[in-house]
Amino acid sequence: MKIYEGTDHFEPVKNPVVTSGTFDGVHLGHQKILQRIRNIADEVGGETVMITFWPHPRMVLYPNEHKLKLLSTFEEKAKLLREFGIDHLLTIPFTKDFSKLSSEEFIQKIIIDKIQTRKLVIGYDHRFGKNREGSFEYLKANIDKFRFELEEISREDVDHVGVSSTKIRKALEEGNVSTANEYLGRDYELNGIIIKGQQLGRSIGFPTANIHVPHDYKLIPCDGAYAVKVEVDEGSFGGMLNIGMRPTVNGESQSIEVHLFDFEGDLYDKRICVHFKSYLRPEVKFSGIDALKEQLSRDKEDAKRILSQL
């Protein structure tokens, strides 16, 4: 997959089949669009083009108001888009000036003039242009002058509930990992770097790797304990992860710590990918270290049982 920052270096490709959007999380609804444009491109001997925007528009338009956390970093999203068959990822820097571009200007300058789109496929709720004025209805009403084919993907339902990035965020903020994973069509994941912590876990028989997530806009699930799968250079391991303030040991800031099962070694400064499998329990302040150790033993048993059933 080729990645372009801005339109300046994008050169026309053969029979481009195009879609557009932020695609945060690349969830089941997004995947249906991606699969469709891949199929169309294969049918017409064309190439797939994804237009996305970075930063997320809401971060630019409402910098002091939003509390938006994203399901995927740009790197995570690009990896997923590559896996779903996108040939060209055109990233348009989203600025306040760009936000003033009308829907007609966006279509003419980018979709038609720059990409020379053969077919545009969009989701049922996708809007574009200044004040989100552009819509499928607008495109359909003006299709004769746009000179490309048009297709809308209908609402994607999971158990009669519309899939959306907003609903996935809400599920993760409530610890509802199973619902989030169902909507995503895969495990929710965190990618980060292992940093040195206070090494309290090691002293009580549960050594942990402290995870630093480098992007502050990445959504961290709610505080609590989780059963997880972890990928590091040394391989894939089951584990249990805790997010929170560590009140039993008087923690002063939120931490993300994972205890890997059946692993010995040094992970400092290495990259780690955590796959969330199940929420175990909320974070609790225990009466002391012994009570904490007893609970961690129960958590380990629960996590191992859950992971063995997957």
Protein backbone atom coordinates (compact mmCIF):
# COMPACT_ATOMS: atom_id res chain seq x y z
CA MET A 1 0.00 0.00 0.00
CA LYS A 2 1.29 3.45 -0.94
CA ILE A 3 0.70 6.28 1.53
CA TYR A 4 0.51 9.89 0.42
CA GLU A 5 0.47 12.91 2.72
CA GLY A 6 -1.52 15.45 0.80
CA THR A 7 -2.46 15.34 -2.86
CA ASP A 8 0.70 16.82 -4.41
CA HIS A 9 2.48 13.52 -5.00
CA PHE A 10 -0.55 11.44 -5.94
CA GLU A 11 -0.40 10.28 -9.55
CA PRO A 12 -3.46 8.89 -11.41
CA VAL A 13 -3.92 5.12 -11.15
CA LYS A 14 -5.82 2.67 -13.33
CA ASN A 15 -9.61 2.69 -12.83
CA PRO A 16 -9.54 4.07 -9.27
CA VAL A 17 -12.30 2.80 -7.00
CA VAL A 18 -12.52 5.27 -4.15
CA THR A 19 -13.96 5.70 -0.68
CA SER A 20 -13.56 8.47 1.86
CA GLY A 21 -13.84 8.94 5.61
CA THR A 22 -12.03 8.93 8.95
CA PHE A 23 -12.60 5.17 9.44
CA ASP A 24 -11.62 5.31 13.12
CA GLY A 25 -11.28 1.74 14.38
CA VAL A 26 -11.90 0.20 10.94
CA HIS A 27 -14.94 -1.58 12.39
CA LEU A 28 -17.36 -4.01 10.74
CA GLY A 29 -19.24 -1.24 8.94
CA HIS A 30 -16.00 0.17 7.53
CA GLN A 31 -14.87 -3.32 6.57
CA LYS A 32 -17.96 -3.82 4.43
CA ILE A 33 -17.06 -0.70 2.44
CA LEU A 34 -13.43 -1.81 2.09
CA GLN A 35 -14.44 -5.27 0.92
CA ARG A 36 -16.83 -3.75 -1.61
CA ILE A 37 -14.28 -1.42 -3.20
CA ARG A 38 -11.75 -4.27 -3.32
CA ASN A 39 -14.28 -6.45 -5.14
CA ILE A 40 -15.19 -3.69 -7.60
CA ALA A 41 -11.54 -2.90 -8.31
CA ASP A 42 -10.86 -6.57 -9.05
CA GLU A 43 -13.86 -6.68 -11.40
CA VAL A 44 -12.78 -3.64 -13.44
CA GLY A 45 -9.04 -4.20 -13.26
CA GLY A 46 -8.63 -1.14 -11.07
CA GLU A 47 -6.95 -0.03 -7.86
CA THR A 48 -8.46 0.94 -4.52
CA VAL A 49 -7.99 4.44 -3.12
CA MET A 50 -8.87 5.47 0.41
CA ILE A 51 -9.13 9.18 1.24
CA THR A 52 -8.81 9.88 4.93
CA PHE A 53 -8.15 12.93 7.06
CA TRP A 54 -5.58 13.56 9.78
CA PRO A 55 -5.88 14.85 12.44
CA HIS A 56 -9.46 13.77 13.08
CA PRO A 57 -11.70 16.68 12.00
CA ARG A 58 -13.28 17.07 15.43
CA MET A 59 -9.84 17.63 16.95
CA VAL A 60 -9.28 20.60 14.63
CA LEU A 61 -12.76 22.11 14.59
CA TYR A 62 -13.40 21.85 18.35
CA PRO A 63 -9.94 21.78 20.00
CA ASN A 64 -11.15 23.15 23.34
CA GLU A 65 -14.45 21.34 23.51
CA HIS A 66 -14.02 17.76 22.43
CA LYS A 67 -12.88 14.93 24.66
CA LEU A 68 -12.53 12.62 21.70
CA LYS A 69 -10.35 9.57 22.10
CA LEU A 70 -9.64 7.51 19.01
CA LEU A 71 -9.85 3.76 18.58
CA SER A 72 -6.86 3.68 16.27
CA THR A 73 -3.68 5.66 15.83
CA PHE A 74 -2.75 6.55 12.26
CA GLU A 75 -0.21 3.70 12.21
CA GLU A 76 -2.79 1.20 13.47
CA LYS A 77 -5.36 2.37 10.93
CA ALA A 78 -2.87 2.21 8.06
CA LYS A 79 -1.95 -1.37 9.00
CA LEU A 80 -5.60 -2.41 9.00
CA LEU A 81 -6.34 -0.68 5.71
CA ARG A 82 -3.41 -2.50 4.12
CA GLU A 83 -4.78 -5.81 5.41
CA PHE A 84 -8.16 -5.05 3.84
CA GLY A 85 -6.73 -4.50 0.41
CA ILE A 86 -6.29 -0.75 0.07
CA ASP A 87 -3.72 0.01 -2.64
CA HIS A 88 -3.42 3.77 -2.08
CA LEU A 89 -3.99 5.67 1.16
CA LEU A 90 -4.34 9.38 0.49
CA THR A 91 -4.09 11.31 3.75
CA ILE A 92 -5.32 14.86 3.58
CA PRO A 93 -4.07 17.13 6.39
CA PHE A 94 -7.26 18.42 7.99
CA THR A 95 -6.93 22.12 8.75
CA LYS A 96 -9.43 24.91 9.38
CA ASP A 97 -8.78 26.17 5.85
CA PHE A 98 -9.50 22.74 4.39
CA SER A 99 -12.72 22.54 6.43
CA LYS A 100 -14.01 25.56 4.49
CA LEU A 101 -13.86 23.65 1.20
CA SER A 102 -17.39 23.15 -0.12
CA SER A 103 -18.63 19.69 -1.04
CA GLU A 104 -18.64 20.65 -4.71
CA GLU A 105 -15.04 21.89 -4.51
CA PHE A 106 -13.97 18.71 -2.70
CA ILE A 107 -15.58 16.54 -5.37
CA GLN A 108 -14.17 18.53 -8.27
CA LYS A 109 -10.64 19.17 -7.01
CA ILE A 110 -9.90 15.84 -5.32
CA ILE A 111 -12.35 13.14 -6.41
CA ILE A 112 -12.43 14.17 -10.07
CA ASP A 113 -9.39 16.26 -10.99
CA LYS A 114 -6.76 14.66 -8.77
CA ILE A 115 -7.83 11.03 -8.44
CA GLN A 116 -9.86 10.75 -11.67
CA THR A 117 -12.28 8.47 -9.85
CA ARG A 118 -14.09 5.77 -11.80
CA LYS A 119 -16.40 4.75 -8.94
CA LEU A 120 -17.03 6.28 -5.52
CA VAL A 121 -18.40 4.08 -2.73
CA ILE A 122 -19.53 5.68 0.55
CA GLY A 123 -21.23 4.58 3.75
CA TYR A 124 -24.87 5.38 4.42
CA ASP A 125 -24.10 8.23 6.86
CA HIS A 126 -21.01 9.72 5.24
CA ARG A 127 -20.94 13.49 4.69
CA PHE A 128 -18.24 15.75 3.38
CA GLY A 129 -17.41 19.35 2.58
CA LYS A 130 -18.01 22.55 4.54
CA ASN A 131 -20.43 22.01 7.45
CA ARG A 132 -20.86 18.40 6.25
CA GLU A 133 -23.16 19.68 3.52
CA GLY A 134 -22.31 16.92 1.04
CA SER A 135 -24.25 13.66 1.18
CA PHE A 136 -25.20 10.66 -0.95
CA GLU A 137 -28.37 12.49 -1.96
CA TYR A 138 -26.32 15.46 -3.13
CA LEU A 139 -23.98 13.21 -5.12
CA LYS A 140 -26.88 11.29 -6.65
CA ALA A 141 -28.66 14.50 -7.68
CA ASN A 142 -25.50 15.76 -9.42
CA ILE A 143 -24.08 12.51 -10.74
CA ASP A 144 -24.48 13.51 -14.42
CA LYS A 145 -21.96 16.33 -14.10
CA PHE A 146 -19.53 14.40 -11.88
CA ARG A 147 -18.76 11.69 -14.50
CA PHE A 148 -18.11 8.83 -12.07
CA GLU A 149 -20.20 5.92 -10.86
CA LEU A 150 -21.68 6.06 -7.38
CA GLU A 151 -22.67 3.46 -4.80
CA GLU A 152 -23.90 3.72 -1.22
CA ILE A 153 -23.37 0.99 1.38
CA SER A 154 -26.49 0.45 3.49
CA ARG A 155 -26.47 0.45 7.29
CA GLU A 156 -24.48 -2.39 8.78
CA ASP A 157 -26.23 -4.05 11.71
CA VAL A 158 -24.90 -6.32 14.42
CA ASP A 159 -27.68 -7.85 16.52
CA HIS A 160 -29.95 -5.05 15.26
CA VAL A 161 -27.63 -2.38 16.67
CA GLY A 162 -25.92 -0.08 14.22
CA VAL A 163 -22.15 -0.32 14.37
CA SER A 164 -20.38 2.97 14.98
CA SER A 165 -17.06 4.16 16.34
CA THR A 166 -18.98 6.08 19.01
CA LYS A 167 -20.68 2.92 20.31
CA ILE A 168 -17.38 1.06 20.38
CA ARG A 169 -15.77 3.87 22.38
CA LYS A 170 -18.68 3.80 24.85
CA ALA A 171 -18.39 0.02 25.25
CA LEU A 172 -14.67 0.24 26.03
CA GLU A 173 -15.21 3.10 28.47
CA GLU A 174 -17.67 0.83 30.31
CA GLY A 175 -15.40 -2.23 30.25
CA ASN A 176 -17.64 -4.03 27.76
CA VAL A 177 -14.81 -5.64 25.83
CA SER A 178 -16.91 -8.37 24.23
CA THR A 179 -19.27 -5.86 22.60
CA ALA A 180 -16.41 -3.67 21.41
CA ASN A 181 -14.61 -6.65 19.91
CA GLU A 182 -17.81 -7.87 18.25
CA TYR A 183 -18.34 -4.50 16.58
CA LEU A 184 -14.69 -4.26 15.55
CA GLY A 185 -14.61 -7.77 14.17
CA ARG A 186 -11.35 -8.33 16.06
CA ASP A 187 -9.74 -7.61 19.44
CA TYR A 188 -9.30 -4.03 20.56
CA GLU A 189 -5.59 -3.39 20.92
CA LEU A 190 -3.09 -1.03 22.48
CA ASN A 191 0.39 -0.54 21.08
CA GLY A 192 3.11 0.96 23.23
CA ILE A 193 6.62 0.82 24.65
CA ILE A 194 7.70 -0.99 27.84
CA ILE A 195 9.11 1.44 30.39
CA LYS A 196 10.67 0.95 33.81
CA GLY A 197 8.20 1.15 36.70
CA GLN A 198 8.48 0.87 40.47
CA GLN A 199 8.89 -2.93 40.23
CA LEU A 200 6.36 -3.48 43.02
CA GLY A 201 4.81 -6.40 41.13
CA ARG A 202 8.08 -8.26 41.10
CA SER A 203 8.34 -7.99 44.88
CA ILE A 204 4.96 -9.72 45.39
CA GLY A 205 5.40 -12.45 42.83
CA PHE A 206 3.59 -10.82 39.90
CA PRO A 207 6.21 -9.00 37.79
CA THR A 208 4.60 -6.57 35.39
CA ALA A 209 5.61 -4.69 32.28
CA ASN A 210 4.65 -1.02 32.41
CA ILE A 211 3.26 0.21 29.10
CA HIS A 212 3.65 3.72 27.76
CA VAL A 213 1.17 4.59 25.01
CA PRO A 214 2.86 7.39 23.04
CA HIS A 215 -0.30 8.98 21.63
CA ASP A 216 -2.46 10.80 24.15
CA TYR A 217 -5.48 10.67 21.84
CA LYS A 218 -5.60 6.85 21.87
CA LEU A 219 -8.55 5.52 23.85
CA ILE A 220 -7.55 3.60 26.97
CA PRO A 221 -10.33 1.27 28.22
CA CYS A 222 -11.80 1.91 31.66
CA ASP A 223 -9.82 1.20 34.81
CA GLY A 224 -9.82 -2.40 35.92
CA ALA A 225 -8.30 -5.82 35.32
CA TYR A 226 -8.41 -7.60 31.95
CA ALA A 227 -7.52 -10.92 30.38
CA VAL A 228 -5.26 -10.18 27.41
CA LYS A 229 -3.05 -11.64 24.74
CA VAL A 230 0.27 -9.91 24.25
CA GLU A 231 2.65 -9.77 21.30
CA VAL A 232 6.31 -8.91 21.86
CA ASP A 233 9.48 -9.72 19.94
CA GLU A 234 9.83 -12.93 21.95
CA GLY A 235 6.42 -14.21 20.81
CA SER A 236 2.77 -14.25 21.87
CA PHE A 237 1.75 -14.72 25.51
CA GLY A 238 -1.37 -14.78 27.60
CA GLY A 239 -1.57 -12.31 30.44
CA MET A 240 -3.57 -10.16 32.79
CA LEU A 241 -3.48 -6.40 32.58
CA ASN A 242 -4.40 -3.69 35.05
CA ILE A 243 -5.35 -0.12 34.17
CA GLY A 244 -5.72 2.35 36.99
CA MET A 245 -4.27 4.29 39.89
CA ARG A 246 -3.05 1.30 41.97
CA PRO A 247 -4.76 2.59 45.16
CA THR A 248 -3.52 -0.26 47.35
CA VAL A 249 0.07 0.91 46.90
CA ASN A 250 -0.81 4.63 46.83
CA GLY A 251 -0.31 5.15 43.12
CA GLU A 252 -0.35 8.79 42.03
CA SER A 253 -1.16 8.50 38.33
CA GLN A 254 -2.85 6.09 35.96
CA SER A 255 -0.70 3.18 34.89
CA ILE A 256 -1.05 0.32 32.43
CA GLU A 257 0.69 -2.83 33.65
CA VAL A 258 0.62 -6.33 32.23
CA HIS A 259 1.73 -9.59 33.81
CA LEU A 260 2.72 -12.13 31.16
CA PHE A 261 2.09 -15.81 31.84
CA ASP A 262 4.96 -18.24 31.32
CA PHE A 263 7.47 -15.54 30.43
CA GLU A 264 10.87 -14.62 31.82
CA GLY A 265 13.07 -11.93 30.41
CA ASP A 266 13.74 -8.22 30.02
CA LEU A 267 11.26 -6.22 27.93
CA TYR A 268 12.40 -2.68 28.69
CA ASP A 269 12.23 -0.29 25.72
CA LYS A 270 10.62 -2.93 23.52
CA ARG A 271 7.37 -2.53 21.59
CA ILE A 272 4.31 -4.37 22.81
CA CYS A 273 0.85 -5.00 21.37
CA VAL A 274 -1.96 -5.86 23.79
CA HIS A 275 -5.14 -7.58 22.60
CA PHE A 276 -8.05 -7.14 25.01
CA LYS A 277 -9.99 -10.38 25.47
CA SER A 278 -12.19 -9.92 28.55
CA TYR A 279 -12.88 -7.54 31.43
CA LEU A 280 -12.22 -9.28 34.77
CA ARG A 281 -13.15 -6.76 37.47
CA PRO A 282 -13.02 -3.08 38.44
CA GLU A 283 -10.02 -1.65 40.25
CA VAL A 284 -10.31 -1.98 44.02
CA LYS A 285 -8.35 -0.66 46.99
CA PHE A 286 -7.49 -3.68 49.13
CA SER A 287 -6.80 -3.76 52.86
CA GLY A 288 -3.14 -4.56 52.27
CA ILE A 289 -0.56 -6.33 50.15
CA ASP A 290 -1.66 -9.82 51.23
CA ALA A 291 -5.24 -9.17 50.13
CA LEU A 292 -3.94 -7.78 46.83
CA LYS A 293 -1.81 -10.89 46.25
CA GLU A 294 -4.81 -13.14 46.91
CA GLN A 295 -6.88 -11.23 44.39
CA LEU A 296 -4.11 -11.29 41.79
CA SER A 297 -3.95 -15.07 42.16
CA ARG A 298 -7.70 -15.27 41.50
CA ASP A 299 -7.34 -12.90 38.56
CA LYS A 300 -4.62 -15.09 37.08
CA GLU A 301 -6.80 -18.19 37.38
CA ASP A 302 -9.75 -16.37 35.80
CA ALA A 303 -7.65 -14.96 32.97
CA LYS A 304 -6.06 -18.33 32.19
CA ARG A 305 -9.48 -20.00 32.18
CA ILE A 306 -10.92 -17.38 29.81
CA LEU A 307 -7.93 -17.50 27.48
CA SER A 308 -8.02 -21.31 27.35
CA GLN A 309 -11.59 -21.14 26.07
CA LEU A 310 -10.83 -18.84 23.17
